[in-house]
Amino acid sequence: MKEEKQKITVYYDGACPSCIQDRENYEKLAGKSGEDVCWFDISGQDTHLRDIGIDPHKALSELHVRDEHQQIVSELDAYILLMSRVFLLKPLAWLIGLPVIRPLLASLYHKMVNRRLKRSGRL
């Protein structure tokens, strides 16, 4: 009998067109394994986010994922967790986690997110 993966929850910015596109791309690549992911739009959910231990400002500037053990991870750890659940994305998850790549990618990621938030007037 095949072991079923536990669901994880991805807290994403539903007011961000590129975030919505990223979700759609992930779902296409994930196929059936994408059914193990719950997507939670953080727009207007500041109280709920605080209640579960996520700073609403951080939620806008970093991806957050609650794993199957109810632990919340953020930033690149969240991407690694999410991508490692999809066969086609596992190599990318591994690459992101490399000590040489990770700090460079984290810096680039924050610059891109801050630029997006400034453009939308939400920073």
PDB file of N, CA and C in Angstrom:
ATOM      1  N   MET A   1       0.842  -1.183   0.000  1.00  0.00           N
ATOM      2  CA  MET A   1       0.000   0.000   0.000  1.00  0.00           C
ATOM      3  C   MET A   1       0.889   1.249   0.000  1.00  0.00           C
ATOM      4  N   LYS A   2       0.553   2.198  -0.849  1.00  0.00           N
ATOM      5  CA  LYS A   2       1.351   3.419  -0.956  1.00  0.00           C
ATOM      6  C   LYS A   2       1.060   4.350   0.216  1.00  0.00           C
ATOM      7  N   GLU A   3       2.139   4.862   0.823  1.00  0.00           N
ATOM      8  CA  GLU A   3       1.993   5.775   1.945  1.00  0.00           C
ATOM      9  C   GLU A   3       1.572   7.145   1.428  1.00  0.00           C
ATOM     10  N   GLU A   4       0.536   7.719   2.048  1.00  0.00           N
ATOM     11  CA  GLU A   4       0.027   9.022   1.630  1.00  0.00           C
ATOM     12  C   GLU A   4       0.785  10.135   2.344  1.00  0.00           C
ATOM     13  N   LYS A   5       1.171  11.152   1.576  1.00  0.00           N
ATOM     14  CA  LYS A   5       1.858  12.294   2.168  1.00  0.00           C
ATOM     15  C   LYS A   5       0.862  13.127   2.957  1.00  0.00           C
ATOM     16  N   GLN A   6       1.340  13.693   4.046  1.00  0.00           N
ATOM     17  CA  GLN A   6       0.520  14.604   4.828  1.00  0.00           C
ATOM     18  C   GLN A   6       0.451  15.948   4.107  1.00  0.00           C
ATOM     19  N   LYS A   7      -0.649  16.628   4.285  1.00  0.00           N
ATOM     20  CA  LYS A   7      -0.817  17.933   3.646  1.00  0.00           C
ATOM     21  C   LYS A   7       0.066  18.979   4.320  1.00  0.00           C
ATOM     22  N   ILE A   8       0.527  19.907   3.498  1.00  0.00           N
ATOM     23  CA  ILE A   8       1.229  21.077   4.001  1.00  0.00           C
ATOM     24  C   ILE A   8       0.405  22.288   3.589  1.00  0.00           C
ATOM     25  N   THR A   9       0.610  23.413   4.278  1.00  0.00           N
ATOM     26  CA  THR A   9      -0.109  24.642   3.958  1.00  0.00           C
ATOM     27  C   THR A   9       0.891  25.694   3.525  1.00  0.00           C
ATOM     28  N   VAL A  10       0.614  26.290   2.364  1.00  0.00           N
ATOM     29  CA  VAL A  10       1.450  27.354   1.827  1.00  0.00           C
ATOM     30  C   VAL A  10       0.711  28.671   2.013  1.00  0.00           C
ATOM     31  N   TYR A  11       1.360  29.607   2.689  1.00  0.00           N
ATOM     32  CA  TYR A  11       0.797  30.938   2.920  1.00  0.00           C
ATOM     33  C   TYR A  11       1.367  31.863   1.848  1.00  0.00           C
ATOM     34  N   TYR A  12       0.517  32.235   0.905  1.00  0.00           N
ATOM     35  CA  TYR A  12       0.994  33.016  -0.244  1.00  0.00           C
ATOM     36  C   TYR A  12       0.200  34.306  -0.384  1.00  0.00           C
ATOM     37  N   ASP A  13       0.760  35.244  -1.119  1.00  0.00           N
ATOM     38  CA  ASP A  13       0.166  36.564  -1.330  1.00  0.00           C
ATOM     39  C   ASP A  13      -0.765  36.505  -2.540  1.00  0.00           C
ATOM     40  N   GLY A  14      -2.049  36.358  -2.294  1.00  0.00           N
ATOM     41  CA  GLY A  14      -3.037  36.271  -3.358  1.00  0.00           C
ATOM     42  C   GLY A  14      -3.289  37.587  -4.066  1.00  0.00           C
ATOM     43  N   ALA A  15      -2.708  38.677  -3.565  1.00  0.00           N
ATOM     44  CA  ALA A  15      -2.823  39.984  -4.223  1.00  0.00           C
ATOM     45  C   ALA A  15      -1.638  40.228  -5.157  1.00  0.00           C
ATOM     46  N   CYS A  16      -0.772  39.250  -5.282  1.00  0.00           N
ATOM     47  CA  CYS A  16       0.438  39.369  -6.091  1.00  0.00           C
ATOM     48  C   CYS A  16       0.284  38.517  -7.349  1.00  0.00           C
ATOM     49  N   PRO A  17       0.205  39.164  -8.530  1.00  0.00           N
ATOM     50  CA  PRO A  17       0.041  38.389  -9.763  1.00  0.00           C
ATOM     51  C   PRO A  17       1.149  37.363  -9.989  1.00  0.00           C
ATOM     52  N   SER A  18       2.400  37.700  -9.674  1.00  0.00           N
ATOM     53  CA  SER A  18       3.476  36.724  -9.888  1.00  0.00           C
ATOM     54  C   SER A  18       3.381  35.569  -8.891  1.00  0.00           C
ATOM     55  N   CYS A  19       2.869  35.840  -7.680  1.00  0.00           N
ATOM     56  CA  CYS A  19       2.688  34.763  -6.695  1.00  0.00           C
ATOM     57  C   CYS A  19       1.585  33.802  -7.157  1.00  0.00           C
ATOM     58  N   ILE A  20       0.529  34.360  -7.731  1.00  0.00           N
ATOM     59  CA  ILE A  20      -0.551  33.530  -8.262  1.00  0.00           C
ATOM     60  C   ILE A  20      -0.026  32.687  -9.416  1.00  0.00           C
ATOM     61  N   GLN A  21       0.780  33.297 -10.280  1.00  0.00           N
ATOM     62  CA  GLN A  21       1.370  32.568 -11.403  1.00  0.00           C
ATOM     63  C   GLN A  21       2.294  31.457 -10.905  1.00  0.00           C
ATOM     64  N   ASP A  22       3.089  31.753  -9.883  1.00  0.00           N
ATOM     65  CA  ASP A  22       3.973  30.734  -9.304  1.00  0.00           C
ATOM     66  C   ASP A  22       3.160  29.558  -8.762  1.00  0.00           C
ATOM     67  N   ARG A  23       2.041  29.869  -8.107  1.00  0.00           N
ATOM     68  CA  ARG A  23       1.169  28.802  -7.583  1.00  0.00           C
ATOM     69  C   ARG A  23       0.647  27.947  -8.736  1.00  0.00           C
ATOM     70  N   GLU A  24       0.163  28.585  -9.787  1.00  0.00           N
ATOM     71  CA  GLU A  24      -0.376  27.848 -10.935  1.00  0.00           C
ATOM     72  C   GLU A  24       0.697  26.975 -11.590  1.00  0.00           C
ATOM     73  N   ASN A  25       1.896  27.515 -11.737  1.00  0.00           N
ATOM     74  CA  ASN A  25       3.003  26.738 -12.315  1.00  0.00           C
ATOM     75  C   ASN A  25       3.330  25.537 -11.437  1.00  0.00           C
ATOM     76  N   TYR A  26       3.367  25.758 -10.124  1.00  0.00           N
ATOM     77  CA  TYR A  26       3.650  24.662  -9.198  1.00  0.00           C
ATOM     78  C   TYR A  26       2.589  23.565  -9.338  1.00  0.00           C
ATOM     79  N   GLU A  27       1.328  23.977  -9.370  1.00  0.00           N
ATOM     80  CA  GLU A  27       0.247  23.003  -9.451  1.00  0.00           C
ATOM     81  C   GLU A  27       0.324  22.189 -10.748  1.00  0.00           C
ATOM     82  N   LYS A  28       0.709  22.825 -11.837  1.00  0.00           N
ATOM     83  CA  LYS A  28       0.863  22.105 -13.108  1.00  0.00           C
ATOM     84  C   LYS A  28       1.989  21.081 -13.009  1.00  0.00           C
ATOM     85  N   LEU A  29       3.126  21.493 -12.454  1.00  0.00           N
ATOM     86  CA  LEU A  29       4.263  20.580 -12.316  1.00  0.00           C
ATOM     87  C   LEU A  29       3.985  19.469 -11.308  1.00  0.00           C
ATOM     88  N   ALA A  30       3.258  19.803 -10.262  1.00  0.00           N
ATOM     89  CA  ALA A  30       3.006  18.843  -9.187  1.00  0.00           C
ATOM     90  C   ALA A  30       2.031  17.750  -9.603  1.00  0.00           C
ATOM     91  N   GLY A  31       1.100  18.097 -10.479  1.00  0.00           N
ATOM     92  CA  GLY A  31       0.100  17.103 -10.855  1.00  0.00           C
ATOM     93  C   GLY A  31      -0.658  16.611  -9.643  1.00  0.00           C
ATOM     94  N   LYS A  32      -0.781  15.300  -9.534  1.00  0.00           N
ATOM     95  CA  LYS A  32      -1.535  14.716  -8.432  1.00  0.00           C
ATOM     96  C   LYS A  32      -0.884  14.961  -7.069  1.00  0.00           C
ATOM     97  N   SER A  33       0.426  15.070  -7.023  1.00  0.00           N
ATOM     98  CA  SER A  33       1.088  15.319  -5.732  1.00  0.00           C
ATOM     99  C   SER A  33       0.761  16.712  -5.200  1.00  0.00           C
ATOM    100  N   GLY A  34       0.277  17.597  -6.074  1.00  0.00           N
ATOM    101  CA  GLY A  34      -0.140  18.932  -5.639  1.00  0.00           C
ATOM    102  C   GLY A  34      -1.382  18.910  -4.780  1.00  0.00           C
ATOM    103  N   GLU A  35      -2.076  17.780  -4.764  1.00  0.00           N
ATOM    104  CA  GLU A  35      -3.263  17.655  -3.921  1.00  0.00           C
ATOM    105  C   GLU A  35      -2.895  17.621  -2.436  1.00  0.00           C
ATOM    106  N   ASP A  36      -1.620  17.424  -2.151  1.00  0.00           N
ATOM    107  CA  ASP A  36      -1.144  17.385  -0.765  1.00  0.00           C
ATOM    108  C   ASP A  36      -0.804  18.770  -0.238  1.00  0.00           C
ATOM    109  N   VAL A  37      -1.130  19.798  -1.023  1.00  0.00           N
ATOM    110  CA  VAL A  37      -0.802  21.171  -0.642  1.00  0.00           C
ATOM    111  C   VAL A  37      -2.082  21.987  -0.506  1.00  0.00           C
ATOM    112  N   CYS A  38      -2.237  22.632   0.654  1.00  0.00           N
ATOM    113  CA  CYS A  38      -3.334  23.581   0.861  1.00  0.00           C
ATOM    114  C   CYS A  38      -2.758  24.980   0.658  1.00  0.00           C
ATOM    115  N   TRP A  39      -3.454  25.797  -0.095  1.00  0.00           N
ATOM    116  CA  TRP A  39      -2.999  27.159  -0.369  1.00  0.00           C
ATOM    117  C   TRP A  39      -3.843  28.129   0.431  1.00  0.00           C
ATOM    118  N   PHE A  40      -3.191  29.009   1.186  1.00  0.00           N
ATOM    119  CA  PHE A  40      -3.884  29.973   2.042  1.00  0.00           C
ATOM    120  C   PHE A  40      -3.476  31.377   1.619  1.00  0.00           C
ATOM    121  N   ASP A  41      -4.438  32.149   1.123  1.00  0.00           N
ATOM    122  CA  ASP A  41      -4.193  33.532   0.713  1.00  0.00           C
ATOM    123  C   ASP A  41      -4.100  34.403   1.959  1.00  0.00           C
ATOM    124  N   ILE A  42      -2.957  35.058   2.147  1.00  0.00           N
ATOM    125  CA  ILE A  42      -2.725  35.863   3.353  1.00  0.00           C
ATOM    126  C   ILE A  42      -3.364  37.250   3.286  1.00  0.00           C
ATOM    127  N   SER A  43      -3.916  37.624   2.144  1.00  0.00           N
ATOM    128  CA  SER A  43      -4.500  38.965   1.986  1.00  0.00           C
ATOM    129  C   SER A  43      -5.598  39.198   3.024  1.00  0.00           C
ATOM    130  N   GLY A  44      -5.420  40.243   3.829  1.00  0.00           N
ATOM    131  CA  GLY A  44      -6.418  40.601   4.835  1.00  0.00           C
ATOM    132  C   GLY A  44      -6.519  39.621   5.990  1.00  0.00           C
ATOM    133  N   GLN A  45      -5.515  38.802   6.189  1.00  0.00           N
ATOM    134  CA  GLN A  45      -5.558  37.758   7.225  1.00  0.00           C
ATOM    135  C   GLN A  45      -4.564  38.003   8.355  1.00  0.00           C
ATOM    136  N   ASP A  46      -4.276  39.271   8.652  1.00  0.00           N
ATOM    137  CA  ASP A  46      -3.264  39.605   9.660  1.00  0.00           C
ATOM    138  C   ASP A  46      -3.532  38.943  11.012  1.00  0.00           C
ATOM    139  N   THR A  47      -4.772  38.984  11.479  1.00  0.00           N
ATOM    140  CA  THR A  47      -5.094  38.408  12.784  1.00  0.00           C
ATOM    141  C   THR A  47      -4.837  36.904  12.787  1.00  0.00           C
ATOM    142  N   HIS A  48      -5.305  36.224  11.759  1.00  0.00           N
ATOM    143  CA  HIS A  48      -5.086  34.776  11.676  1.00  0.00           C
ATOM    144  C   HIS A  48      -3.594  34.455  11.632  1.00  0.00           C
ATOM    145  N   LEU A  49      -2.851  35.222  10.836  1.00  0.00           N
ATOM    146  CA  LEU A  49      -1.408  34.988  10.743  1.00  0.00           C
ATOM    147  C   LEU A  49      -0.745  35.143  12.107  1.00  0.00           C
ATOM    148  N   ARG A  50      -1.088  36.215  12.820  1.00  0.00           N
ATOM    149  CA  ARG A  50      -0.519  36.409  14.163  1.00  0.00           C
ATOM    150  C   ARG A  50      -0.889  35.251  15.091  1.00  0.00           C
ATOM    151  N   ASP A  51      -2.138  34.794  14.991  1.00  0.00           N
ATOM    152  CA  ASP A  51      -2.602  33.697  15.847  1.00  0.00           C
ATOM    153  C   ASP A  51      -1.801  32.414  15.648  1.00  0.00           C
ATOM    154  N   ILE A  52      -1.283  32.199  14.441  1.00  0.00           N
ATOM    155  CA  ILE A  52      -0.510  30.972  14.194  1.00  0.00           C
ATOM    156  C   ILE A  52       0.994  31.225  14.241  1.00  0.00           C
ATOM    157  N   GLY A  53       1.390  32.459  14.634  1.00  0.00           N
ATOM    158  CA  GLY A  53       2.803  32.743  14.854  1.00  0.00           C
ATOM    159  C   GLY A  53       3.560  33.291  13.659  1.00  0.00           C
ATOM    160  N   ILE A  54       2.829  33.830  12.679  1.00  0.00           N
ATOM    161  CA  ILE A  54       3.486  34.425  11.518  1.00  0.00           C
ATOM    162  C   ILE A  54       3.287  35.931  11.552  1.00  0.00           C
ATOM    163  N   ASP A  55       4.378  36.675  11.490  1.00  0.00           N
ATOM    164  CA  ASP A  55       4.311  38.126  11.420  1.00  0.00           C
ATOM    165  C   ASP A  55       3.736  38.509  10.044  1.00  0.00           C
ATOM    166  N   PRO A  56       2.631  39.270  10.000  1.00  0.00           N
ATOM    167  CA  PRO A  56       2.011  39.611   8.714  1.00  0.00           C
ATOM    168  C   PRO A  56       2.950  40.317   7.735  1.00  0.00           C
ATOM    169  N   HIS A  57       3.838  41.183   8.246  1.00  0.00           N
ATOM    170  CA  HIS A  57       4.792  41.849   7.355  1.00  0.00           C
ATOM    171  C   HIS A  57       5.763  40.832   6.757  1.00  0.00           C
ATOM    172  N   LYS A  58       6.225  39.907   7.598  1.00  0.00           N
ATOM    173  CA  LYS A  58       7.128  38.855   7.112  1.00  0.00           C
ATOM    174  C   LYS A  58       6.419  37.954   6.102  1.00  0.00           C
ATOM    175  N   ALA A  59       5.115  37.754   6.315  1.00  0.00           N
ATOM    176  CA  ALA A  59       4.355  36.912   5.393  1.00  0.00           C
ATOM    177  C   ALA A  59       4.313  37.523   3.996  1.00  0.00           C
ATOM    178  N   LEU A  60       4.349  38.851   3.915  1.00  0.00           N
ATOM    179  CA  LEU A  60       4.385  39.525   2.618  1.00  0.00           C
ATOM    180  C   LEU A  60       5.757  39.428   1.969  1.00  0.00           C
ATOM    181  N   SER A  61       6.783  39.414   2.788  1.00  0.00           N
ATOM    182  CA  SER A  61       8.137  39.472   2.242  1.00  0.00           C
ATOM    183  C   SER A  61       8.847  38.122   2.166  1.00  0.00           C
ATOM    184  N   GLU A  62       8.249  37.076   2.731  1.00  0.00           N
ATOM    185  CA  GLU A  62       8.843  35.742   2.699  1.00  0.00           C
ATOM    186  C   GLU A  62       7.739  34.697   2.603  1.00  0.00           C
ATOM    187  N   LEU A  63       7.954  33.700   1.777  1.00  0.00           N
ATOM    188  CA  LEU A  63       7.018  32.586   1.704  1.00  0.00           C
ATOM    189  C   LEU A  63       7.061  31.818   3.027  1.00  0.00           C
ATOM    190  N   HIS A  64       5.896  31.414   3.508  1.00  0.00           N
ATOM    191  CA  HIS A  64       5.802  30.585   4.713  1.00  0.00           C
ATOM    192  C   HIS A  64       5.046  29.309   4.372  1.00  0.00           C
ATOM    193  N   VAL A  65       5.500  28.208   4.941  1.00  0.00           N
ATOM    194  CA  VAL A  65       4.846  26.915   4.756  1.00  0.00           C
ATOM    195  C   VAL A  65       4.758  26.224   6.116  1.00  0.00           C
ATOM    196  N   ARG A  66       3.582  25.685   6.410  1.00  0.00           N
ATOM    197  CA  ARG A  66       3.417  24.860   7.613  1.00  0.00           C
ATOM    198  C   ARG A  66       3.532  23.406   7.163  1.00  0.00           C
ATOM    199  N   ASP A  67       4.498  22.692   7.726  1.00  0.00           N
ATOM    200  CA  ASP A  67       4.742  21.316   7.294  1.00  0.00           C
ATOM    201  C   ASP A  67       3.757  20.344   7.942  1.00  0.00           C
ATOM    202  N   GLU A  68       3.933  19.078   7.626  1.00  0.00           N
ATOM    203  CA  GLU A  68       3.019  18.049   8.122  1.00  0.00           C
ATOM    204  C   GLU A  68       3.102  17.860   9.633  1.00  0.00           C
ATOM    205  N   HIS A  69       4.126  18.424  10.275  1.00  0.00           N
ATOM    206  CA  HIS A  69       4.269  18.351  11.733  1.00  0.00           C
ATOM    207  C   HIS A  69       3.813  19.644  12.398  1.00  0.00           C
ATOM    208  N   GLN A  70       3.170  20.514  11.624  1.00  0.00           N
ATOM    209  CA  GLN A  70       2.635  21.799  12.082  1.00  0.00           C
ATOM    210  C   GLN A  70       3.720  22.828  12.411  1.00  0.00           C
ATOM    211  N   GLN A  71       4.933  22.593  11.942  1.00  0.00           N
ATOM    212  CA  GLN A  71       6.026  23.546  12.107  1.00  0.00           C
ATOM    213  C   GLN A  71       6.007  24.511  10.920  1.00  0.00           C
ATOM    214  N   ILE A  72       6.248  25.783  11.186  1.00  0.00           N
ATOM    215  CA  ILE A  72       6.246  26.777  10.119  1.00  0.00           C
ATOM    216  C   ILE A  72       7.687  27.104   9.744  1.00  0.00           C
ATOM    217  N   VAL A  73       7.955  26.998   8.449  1.00  0.00           N
ATOM    218  CA  VAL A  73       9.262  27.362   7.908  1.00  0.00           C
ATOM    219  C   VAL A  73       9.042  28.508   6.931  1.00  0.00           C
ATOM    220  N   SER A  74      10.094  29.290   6.719  1.00  0.00           N
ATOM    221  CA  SER A  74       9.933  30.452   5.848  1.00  0.00           C
ATOM    222  C   SER A  74      11.119  30.598   4.904  1.00  0.00           C
ATOM    223  N   GLU A  75      10.982  31.571   4.033  1.00  0.00           N
ATOM    224  CA  GLU A  75      11.994  31.948   3.058  1.00  0.00           C
ATOM    225  C   GLU A  75      12.420  30.730   2.238  1.00  0.00           C
ATOM    226  N   LEU A  76      13.703  30.505   2.073  1.00  0.00           N
ATOM    227  CA  LEU A  76      14.179  29.413   1.225  1.00  0.00           C
ATOM    228  C   LEU A  76      13.842  28.038   1.796  1.00  0.00           C
ATOM    229  N   ASP A  77      13.769  27.916   3.117  1.00  0.00           N
ATOM    230  CA  ASP A  77      13.361  26.637   3.707  1.00  0.00           C
ATOM    231  C   ASP A  77      11.951  26.268   3.244  1.00  0.00           C
ATOM    232  N   ALA A  78      11.090  27.275   3.101  1.00  0.00           N
ATOM    233  CA  ALA A  78       9.728  27.034   2.632  1.00  0.00           C
ATOM    234  C   ALA A  78       9.732  26.562   1.181  1.00  0.00           C
ATOM    235  N   TYR A  79      10.539  27.208   0.351  1.00  0.00           N
ATOM    236  CA  TYR A  79      10.635  26.794  -1.052  1.00  0.00           C
ATOM    237  C   TYR A  79      11.206  25.386  -1.175  1.00  0.00           C
ATOM    238  N   ILE A  80      12.233  25.091  -0.387  1.00  0.00           N
ATOM    239  CA  ILE A  80      12.847  23.763  -0.434  1.00  0.00           C
ATOM    240  C   ILE A  80      11.827  22.696  -0.034  1.00  0.00           C
ATOM    241  N   LEU A  81      11.078  22.946   1.017  1.00  0.00           N
ATOM    242  CA  LEU A  81      10.052  22.002   1.463  1.00  0.00           C
ATOM    243  C   LEU A  81       9.005  21.798   0.371  1.00  0.00           C
ATOM    244  N   LEU A  82       8.537  22.876  -0.202  1.00  0.00           N
ATOM    245  CA  LEU A  82       7.497  22.806  -1.224  1.00  0.00           C
ATOM    246  C   LEU A  82       7.993  22.080  -2.473  1.00  0.00           C
ATOM    247  N   MET A  83       9.171  22.446  -2.940  1.00  0.00           N
ATOM    248  CA  MET A  83       9.701  21.838  -4.164  1.00  0.00           C
ATOM    249  C   MET A  83      10.101  20.377  -3.970  1.00  0.00           C
ATOM    250  N   SER A  84      10.535  20.025  -2.772  1.00  0.00           N
ATOM    251  CA  SER A  84      10.986  18.649  -2.547  1.00  0.00           C
ATOM    252  C   SER A  84       9.842  17.643  -2.600  1.00  0.00           C
ATOM    253  N   ARG A  85       8.619  18.120  -2.622  1.00  0.00           N
ATOM    254  CA  ARG A  85       7.459  17.237  -2.698  1.00  0.00           C
ATOM    255  C   ARG A  85       7.090  16.867  -4.134  1.00  0.00           C
ATOM    256  N   VAL A  86       7.757  17.504  -5.102  1.00  0.00           N
ATOM    257  CA  VAL A  86       7.453  17.264  -6.515  1.00  0.00           C
ATOM    258  C   VAL A  86       8.700  16.677  -7.189  1.00  0.00           C
ATOM    259  N   PHE A  87       8.544  15.527  -7.798  1.00  0.00           N
ATOM    260  CA  PHE A  87       9.677  14.821  -8.393  1.00  0.00           C
ATOM    261  C   PHE A  87      10.505  15.723  -9.310  1.00  0.00           C
ATOM    262  N   LEU A  88       9.860  16.448 -10.206  1.00  0.00           N
ATOM    263  CA  LEU A  88      10.588  17.294 -11.160  1.00  0.00           C
ATOM    264  C   LEU A  88      11.324  18.470 -10.504  1.00  0.00           C
ATOM    265  N   LEU A  89      10.876  18.864  -9.312  1.00  0.00           N
ATOM    266  CA  LEU A  89      11.484  20.019  -8.637  1.00  0.00           C
ATOM    267  C   LEU A  89      12.507  19.630  -7.568  1.00  0.00           C
ATOM    268  N   LYS A  90      12.615  18.353  -7.251  1.00  0.00           N
ATOM    269  CA  LYS A  90      13.555  17.910  -6.207  1.00  0.00           C
ATOM    270  C   LYS A  90      14.996  18.335  -6.483  1.00  0.00           C
ATOM    271  N   PRO A  91      15.486  18.214  -7.728  1.00  0.00           N
ATOM    272  CA  PRO A  91      16.864  18.667  -7.967  1.00  0.00           C
ATOM    273  C   PRO A  91      17.047  20.165  -7.705  1.00  0.00           C
ATOM    274  N   LEU A  92      16.042  20.950  -8.043  1.00  0.00           N
ATOM    275  CA  LEU A  92      16.113  22.389  -7.789  1.00  0.00           C
ATOM    276  C   LEU A  92      16.101  22.673  -6.282  1.00  0.00           C
ATOM    277  N   ALA A  93      15.296  21.937  -5.544  1.00  0.00           N
ATOM    278  CA  ALA A  93      15.261  22.088  -4.081  1.00  0.00           C
ATOM    279  C   ALA A  93      16.638  21.788  -3.492  1.00  0.00           C
ATOM    280  N   TRP A  94      17.273  20.732  -3.998  1.00  0.00           N
ATOM    281  CA  TRP A  94      18.616  20.373  -3.528  1.00  0.00           C
ATOM    282  C   TRP A  94      19.602  21.490  -3.848  1.00  0.00           C
ATOM    283  N   LEU A  95      19.545  22.014  -5.072  1.00  0.00           N
ATOM    284  CA  LEU A  95      20.453  23.072  -5.511  1.00  0.00           C
ATOM    285  C   LEU A  95      20.309  24.327  -4.650  1.00  0.00           C
ATOM    286  N   ILE A  96      19.080  24.712  -4.371  1.00  0.00           N
ATOM    287  CA  ILE A  96      18.813  25.899  -3.550  1.00  0.00           C
ATOM    288  C   ILE A  96      19.435  25.752  -2.170  1.00  0.00           C
ATOM    289  N   GLY A  97      19.462  24.536  -1.650  1.00  0.00           N
ATOM    290  CA  GLY A  97      19.979  24.299  -0.311  1.00  0.00           C
ATOM    291  C   GLY A  97      21.490  24.273  -0.186  1.00  0.00           C
ATOM    292  N   LEU A  98      22.201  24.317  -1.310  1.00  0.00           N
ATOM    293  CA  LEU A  98      23.665  24.271  -1.244  1.00  0.00           C
ATOM    294  C   LEU A  98      24.222  25.520  -0.558  1.00  0.00           C
ATOM    295  N   PRO A  99      25.226  25.345   0.299  1.00  0.00           N
ATOM    296  CA  PRO A  99      25.786  26.465   1.059  1.00  0.00           C
ATOM    297  C   PRO A  99      26.295  27.631   0.204  1.00  0.00           C
ATOM    298  N   VAL A 100      26.766  27.377  -0.980  1.00  0.00           N
ATOM    299  CA  VAL A 100      27.270  28.461  -1.834  1.00  0.00           C
ATOM    300  C   VAL A 100      26.122  29.198  -2.508  1.00  0.00           C
ATOM    301  N   ILE A 101      25.094  28.469  -2.894  1.00  0.00           N
ATOM    302  CA  ILE A 101      23.961  29.023  -3.637  1.00  0.00           C
ATOM    303  C   ILE A 101      22.987  29.749  -2.709  1.00  0.00           C
ATOM    304  N   ARG A 102      22.708  29.151  -1.582  1.00  0.00           N
ATOM    305  CA  ARG A 102      21.645  29.636  -0.687  1.00  0.00           C
ATOM    306  C   ARG A 102      21.758  31.114  -0.305  1.00  0.00           C
ATOM    307  N   PRO A 103      22.906  31.606   0.183  1.00  0.00           N
ATOM    308  CA  PRO A 103      22.964  33.021   0.580  1.00  0.00           C
ATOM    309  C   PRO A 103      22.790  33.972  -0.614  1.00  0.00           C
ATOM    310  N   LEU A 104      23.345  33.589  -1.760  1.00  0.00           N
ATOM    311  CA  LEU A 104      23.185  34.439  -2.946  1.00  0.00           C
ATOM    312  C   LEU A 104      21.729  34.491  -3.384  1.00  0.00           C
ATOM    313  N   LEU A 105      21.101  33.358  -3.389  1.00  0.00           N
ATOM    314  CA  LEU A 105      19.701  33.285  -3.790  1.00  0.00           C
ATOM    315  C   LEU A 105      18.798  34.010  -2.795  1.00  0.00           C
ATOM    316  N   ALA A 106      19.099  33.909  -1.510  1.00  0.00           N
ATOM    317  CA  ALA A 106      18.314  34.600  -0.485  1.00  0.00           C
ATOM    318  C   ALA A 106      18.390  36.110  -0.689  1.00  0.00           C
ATOM    319  N   SER A 107      19.568  36.616  -0.974  1.00  0.00           N
ATOM    320  CA  SER A 107      19.741  38.048  -1.218  1.00  0.00           C
ATOM    321  C   SER A 107      18.948  38.498  -2.446  1.00  0.00           C
ATOM    322  N   LEU A 108      19.062  37.750  -3.513  1.00  0.00           N
ATOM    323  CA  LEU A 108      18.334  38.066  -4.744  1.00  0.00           C
ATOM    324  C   LEU A 108      16.829  38.003  -4.514  1.00  0.00           C
ATOM    325  N   TYR A 109      16.387  36.994  -3.799  1.00  0.00           N
ATOM    326  CA  TYR A 109      14.973  36.810  -3.483  1.00  0.00           C
ATOM    327  C   TYR A 109      14.426  38.025  -2.741  1.00  0.00           C
ATOM    328  N   HIS A 110      15.141  38.485  -1.707  1.00  0.00           N
ATOM    329  CA  HIS A 110      14.663  39.630  -0.925  1.00  0.00           C
ATOM    330  C   HIS A 110      14.639  40.914  -1.751  1.00  0.00           C
ATOM    331  N   LYS A 111      15.606  41.095  -2.614  1.00  0.00           N
ATOM    332  CA  LYS A 111      15.610  42.275  -3.485  1.00  0.00           C
ATOM    333  C   LYS A 111      14.403  42.264  -4.416  1.00  0.00           C
ATOM    334  N   MET A 112      14.113  41.114  -4.991  1.00  0.00           N
ATOM    335  CA  MET A 112      12.967  40.996  -5.902  1.00  0.00           C
ATOM    336  C   MET A 112      11.643  41.237  -5.166  1.00  0.00           C
ATOM    337  N   VAL A 113      11.496  40.663  -3.991  1.00  0.00           N
ATOM    338  CA  VAL A 113      10.258  40.825  -3.225  1.00  0.00           C
ATOM    339  C   VAL A 113      10.084  42.283  -2.806  1.00  0.00           C
ATOM    340  N   ASN A 114      11.153  42.905  -2.311  1.00  0.00           N
ATOM    341  CA  ASN A 114      11.052  44.314  -1.902  1.00  0.00           C
ATOM    342  C   ASN A 114      10.700  45.209  -3.080  1.00  0.00           C
ATOM    343  N   ARG A 115      11.261  44.936  -4.235  1.00  0.00           N
ATOM    344  CA  ARG A 115      10.934  45.706  -5.439  1.00  0.00           C
ATOM    345  C   ARG A 115       9.445  45.538  -5.781  1.00  0.00           C
ATOM    346  N   ARG A 116       8.951  44.315  -5.708  1.00  0.00           N
ATOM    347  CA  ARG A 116       7.540  44.029  -5.997  1.00  0.00           C
ATOM    348  C   ARG A 116       6.625  44.750  -5.011  1.00  0.00           C
ATOM    349  N   LEU A 117       6.982  44.718  -3.735  1.00  0.00           N
ATOM    350  CA  LEU A 117       6.147  45.365  -2.717  1.00  0.00           C
ATOM    351  C   LEU A 117       6.171  46.885  -2.859  1.00  0.00           C
ATOM    352  N   LYS A 118       7.327  47.451  -3.215  1.00  0.00           N
ATOM    353  CA  LYS A 118       7.409  48.895  -3.438  1.00  0.00           C
ATOM    354  C   LYS A 118       6.541  49.308  -4.618  1.00  0.00           C
ATOM    355  N   ARG A 119       6.635  48.548  -5.711  1.00  0.00           N
ATOM    356  CA  ARG A 119       5.842  48.864  -6.905  1.00  0.00           C
ATOM    357  C   ARG A 119       4.352  48.827  -6.612  1.00  0.00           C
ATOM    358  N   SER A 120       3.924  47.913  -5.765  1.00  0.00           N
ATOM    359  CA  SER A 120       2.506  47.785  -5.465  1.00  0.00           C
ATOM    360  C   SER A 120       2.086  48.691  -4.298  1.00  0.00           C
ATOM    361  N   GLY A 121       3.049  49.438  -3.717  1.00  0.00           N
ATOM    362  CA  GLY A 121       2.717  50.352  -2.623  1.00  0.00           C
ATOM    363  C   GLY A 121       2.443  49.663  -1.304  1.00  0.00           C
ATOM    364  N   ARG A 122       2.947  48.453  -1.145  1.00  0.00           N
ATOM    365  CA  ARG A 122       2.681  47.705   0.092  1.00  0.00           C
ATOM    366  C   ARG A 122       3.899  47.543   0.988  1.00  0.00           C
ATOM    367  N   LEU A 123       4.999  48.241   0.656  1.00  0.00           N
ATOM    368  CA  LEU A 123       6.197  48.132   1.500  1.00  0.00           C
ATOM    369  C   LEU A 123       6.250  49.263   2.486  1.00  0.00           C
TER     370      LEU A 123
END
